Amino acid sequence: MLLKGCLHVHTTCSDGKLSPQEAADIYSELGYDFIAFTDHDYLLKSSSDDTYASVKSDLIIFKGVELTVFEKGYVHVNKIWGEEETLHILNHIGEYDLTLEQAKERVAAVALKYPLDAVEFTTKGFPDNEFNTDELGLPRIASDDSHTRIGCGRAWIELDCRRSKDSIIRAIKKNRFWNCFQRG
């Protein structure tokens, strides 16, 4: 089954402008099959679990968190939970003002702390082509990192797998997905 999804969505549970329900509704209207709520760890509201659980949607909704990791400066790592599987993505590598060589070093250093499965080579849904390279040693993933309505639907992944959280995570870990972008 072909599935479309975004694994980096912020909501009012941290610094996003959309409630989890509003975000789910927008992504559903855009034809998505799954999203991951990945609000910032240091801004996460204590009520977020209940707020996420109250969302009514046909989407597969992953719970995640965007971790702030200090490694020669800070970087962000999304930790996303399935039923049994967990996914770790080093986020928006282009936002750290690194050369490709520095990015490779940063990926390797962070991978010693977290079992990285992919690296996000987009910035707010736009490709950062310098980092769309096998040299990073991980699958590259496209994502919106949406905080507002206008940020939704710029970049996503598509994959062919069963409609379950763990099947989606396993497909990503095996690099069995396509990166897609909005035209225009």
Protein backbone atom coordinates (compact mmCIF):
# COMPACT_ATOMS: atom_id res chain seq x y z
CA MET A 1 0.00 0.00 0.00
CA LEU A 2 1.40 3.40 -0.99
CA LEU A 3 1.48 5.76 2.00
CA LYS A 4 2.29 9.48 2.22
CA GLY A 5 3.54 11.12 5.39
CA CYS A 6 5.40 13.81 7.29
CA LEU A 7 7.55 12.98 10.29
CA HIS A 8 8.21 16.48 11.65
CA VAL A 9 5.11 18.43 12.74
CA HIS A 10 4.98 21.06 15.51
CA THR A 11 1.80 22.05 17.31
CA THR A 12 0.58 24.32 20.09
CA CYS A 13 1.99 21.69 22.48
CA SER A 14 5.26 23.60 21.97
CA ASP A 15 5.97 26.45 19.53
CA GLY A 16 3.59 25.59 16.66
CA LYS A 17 0.61 27.74 15.72
CA LEU A 18 -1.79 24.83 14.98
CA SER A 19 -3.42 22.61 17.57
CA PRO A 20 -2.74 18.89 17.07
CA GLN A 21 -6.31 18.50 15.79
CA GLU A 22 -5.89 21.38 13.30
CA ALA A 23 -2.58 19.94 12.07
CA ALA A 24 -4.11 16.47 11.63
CA ASP A 25 -7.07 17.96 9.74
CA ILE A 26 -4.81 19.92 7.37
CA TYR A 27 -2.55 16.96 6.60
CA SER A 28 -5.60 14.76 6.08
CA GLU A 29 -7.03 17.30 3.61
CA LEU A 30 -3.66 17.24 1.80
CA GLY A 31 -3.96 13.48 1.28
CA TYR A 32 -1.48 12.31 3.89
CA ASP A 33 -1.74 8.90 5.53
CA PHE A 34 0.50 9.56 8.54
CA ILE A 35 2.18 12.34 10.52
CA ALA A 36 4.39 12.57 13.59
CA PHE A 37 3.87 15.17 16.28
CA THR A 38 7.43 16.17 17.20
CA ASP A 39 7.16 19.13 19.52
CA HIS A 40 10.30 20.54 21.13
CA ASP A 41 11.46 18.81 24.31
CA TYR A 42 12.24 22.01 26.21
CA LEU A 43 8.89 23.65 25.29
CA LEU A 44 6.64 20.59 25.55
CA LYS A 45 3.50 21.21 27.59
CA SER A 46 2.75 18.69 30.31
CA SER A 47 -0.71 18.06 28.82
CA SER A 48 0.65 17.08 25.39
CA ASP A 49 0.04 13.31 25.71
CA ASP A 50 -3.64 13.90 26.51
CA THR A 51 -3.93 16.50 23.75
CA TYR A 52 -2.39 14.16 21.16
CA ALA A 53 -4.61 11.27 22.32
CA SER A 54 -7.74 13.40 21.85
CA VAL A 55 -7.12 13.94 18.12
CA LYS A 56 -9.84 12.42 15.94
CA SER A 57 -8.45 11.41 12.55
CA ASP A 58 -8.06 8.55 10.11
CA LEU A 59 -4.36 9.41 9.90
CA ILE A 60 -1.77 7.20 11.54
CA ILE A 61 -0.46 9.57 14.19
CA PHE A 62 2.97 8.99 15.65
CA LYS A 63 3.98 10.50 18.95
CA GLY A 64 7.47 11.90 18.94
CA VAL A 65 9.65 14.59 20.42
CA GLU A 66 12.29 16.87 18.95
CA LEU A 67 15.26 16.44 21.27
CA THR A 68 17.87 19.16 21.71
CA VAL A 69 21.25 17.43 21.64
CA PHE A 70 24.49 19.19 22.49
CA GLU A 71 27.35 18.00 20.32
CA LYS A 72 29.84 20.72 19.31
CA GLY A 73 26.88 23.09 19.52
CA TYR A 74 23.29 21.95 19.43
CA VAL A 75 21.39 19.84 16.94
CA HIS A 76 17.87 18.44 16.94
CA VAL A 77 16.99 14.77 16.79
CA ASN A 78 13.44 13.55 16.33
CA LYS A 79 12.62 10.48 18.38
CA ILE A 80 9.45 8.87 17.05
CA TRP A 81 7.69 5.91 18.65
CA GLY A 82 5.85 3.12 16.87
CA GLU A 83 4.26 0.16 18.62
CA GLU A 84 7.62 -1.58 19.20
CA GLU A 85 10.01 0.26 16.89
CA THR A 86 11.61 3.65 17.49
CA LEU A 87 12.94 6.00 14.81
CA HIS A 88 15.68 8.62 15.26
CA ILE A 89 16.17 11.35 12.65
CA LEU A 90 18.84 14.07 12.77
CA ASN A 91 16.85 17.14 11.78
CA HIS A 92 17.40 19.97 9.29
CA ILE A 93 21.14 19.43 8.85
CA GLY A 94 21.38 22.56 6.66
CA GLU A 95 20.33 24.89 9.49
CA TYR A 96 23.53 24.37 11.50
CA ASP A 97 25.81 26.36 9.17
CA LEU A 98 28.13 23.39 8.61
CA THR A 99 30.22 22.36 5.66
CA LEU A 100 29.58 18.88 4.32
CA GLU A 101 32.70 17.61 6.12
CA GLN A 102 31.55 19.17 9.40
CA ALA A 103 28.07 17.70 8.89
CA LYS A 104 29.57 14.22 8.41
CA GLU A 105 31.52 14.65 11.66
CA ARG A 106 28.40 15.88 13.48
CA VAL A 107 26.31 12.94 12.20
CA ALA A 108 29.00 10.50 13.37
CA ALA A 109 29.24 12.15 16.82
CA VAL A 110 25.46 12.24 17.36
CA ALA A 111 25.21 8.61 16.21
CA LEU A 112 27.33 7.66 19.22
CA LYS A 113 24.56 9.02 21.48
CA TYR A 114 21.44 8.03 19.50
CA PRO A 115 20.88 5.20 17.03
CA LEU A 116 20.33 7.51 14.04
CA ASP A 117 18.20 6.01 11.27
CA ALA A 118 18.01 8.98 8.87
CA VAL A 119 18.99 12.60 8.37
CA GLU A 120 16.56 15.32 7.34
CA PHE A 121 18.05 17.20 4.37
CA THR A 122 15.27 19.77 4.14
CA THR A 123 14.87 23.13 5.82
CA LYS A 124 11.23 24.06 6.45
CA GLY A 125 10.25 21.74 3.59
CA PHE A 126 12.76 22.99 1.04
CA PRO A 127 15.61 20.73 -0.11
CA ASP A 128 19.14 21.51 1.00
CA ASN A 129 20.83 19.83 -1.95
CA GLU A 130 24.34 20.08 -0.50
CA PHE A 131 23.23 17.53 2.12
CA ASN A 132 21.31 15.25 -0.25
CA THR A 133 24.31 12.94 -0.50
CA ASP A 134 25.25 9.39 0.38
CA GLU A 135 28.34 10.84 2.08
CA LEU A 136 26.28 11.42 5.24
CA GLY A 137 25.99 7.65 5.59
CA LEU A 138 22.26 7.64 6.37
CA PRO A 139 19.02 7.69 4.39
CA ARG A 140 17.95 11.27 3.64
CA ILE A 141 14.42 12.24 4.51
CA ALA A 142 12.29 15.19 3.39
CA SER A 143 9.96 16.86 5.86
CA ASP A 144 8.07 20.09 6.46
CA ASP A 145 9.16 20.87 10.01
CA SER A 146 5.83 22.69 9.96
CA HIS A 147 4.98 25.24 12.63
CA THR A 148 2.17 27.02 10.74
CA ARG A 149 -0.50 26.31 8.12
CA ILE A 150 1.66 27.67 5.32
CA GLY A 151 4.43 25.23 6.27
CA CYS A 152 2.24 22.14 5.81
CA GLY A 153 2.58 20.09 2.65
CA ARG A 154 5.91 21.34 1.29
CA ALA A 155 7.82 18.05 1.61
CA TRP A 156 6.93 14.48 2.47
CA ILE A 157 7.90 10.86 2.03
CA GLU A 158 6.04 8.12 0.25
CA LEU A 159 6.54 4.43 0.87
CA ASP A 160 4.98 1.12 -0.03
CA CYS A 161 4.26 -0.90 3.10
CA ARG A 162 1.53 -2.10 5.42
CA ARG A 163 -0.51 0.59 7.16
CA SER A 164 1.05 0.32 10.61
CA LYS A 165 3.47 2.42 12.62
CA ASP A 166 6.12 -0.28 12.86
CA SER A 167 5.89 -1.13 9.14
CA ILE A 168 6.44 2.54 8.29
CA ILE A 169 9.42 2.80 10.64
CA ARG A 170 10.99 -0.40 9.31
CA ALA A 171 10.61 0.82 5.70
CA ILE A 172 12.39 4.08 6.61
CA LYS A 173 15.19 2.26 8.40
CA LYS A 174 15.68 0.15 5.26
CA ASN A 175 15.68 3.29 3.05
CA ARG A 176 12.58 2.08 1.20
CA PHE A 177 10.87 5.44 0.66
CA TRP A 178 10.82 8.35 -1.78
CA ASN A 179 11.26 12.03 -0.99
CA CYS A 180 8.66 14.31 -2.56
CA PHE A 181 8.19 18.06 -2.81
CA GLN A 182 5.37 20.46 -3.62
CA ARG A 183 5.75 22.10 -7.01
CA GLY A 184 5.65 25.82 -7.46
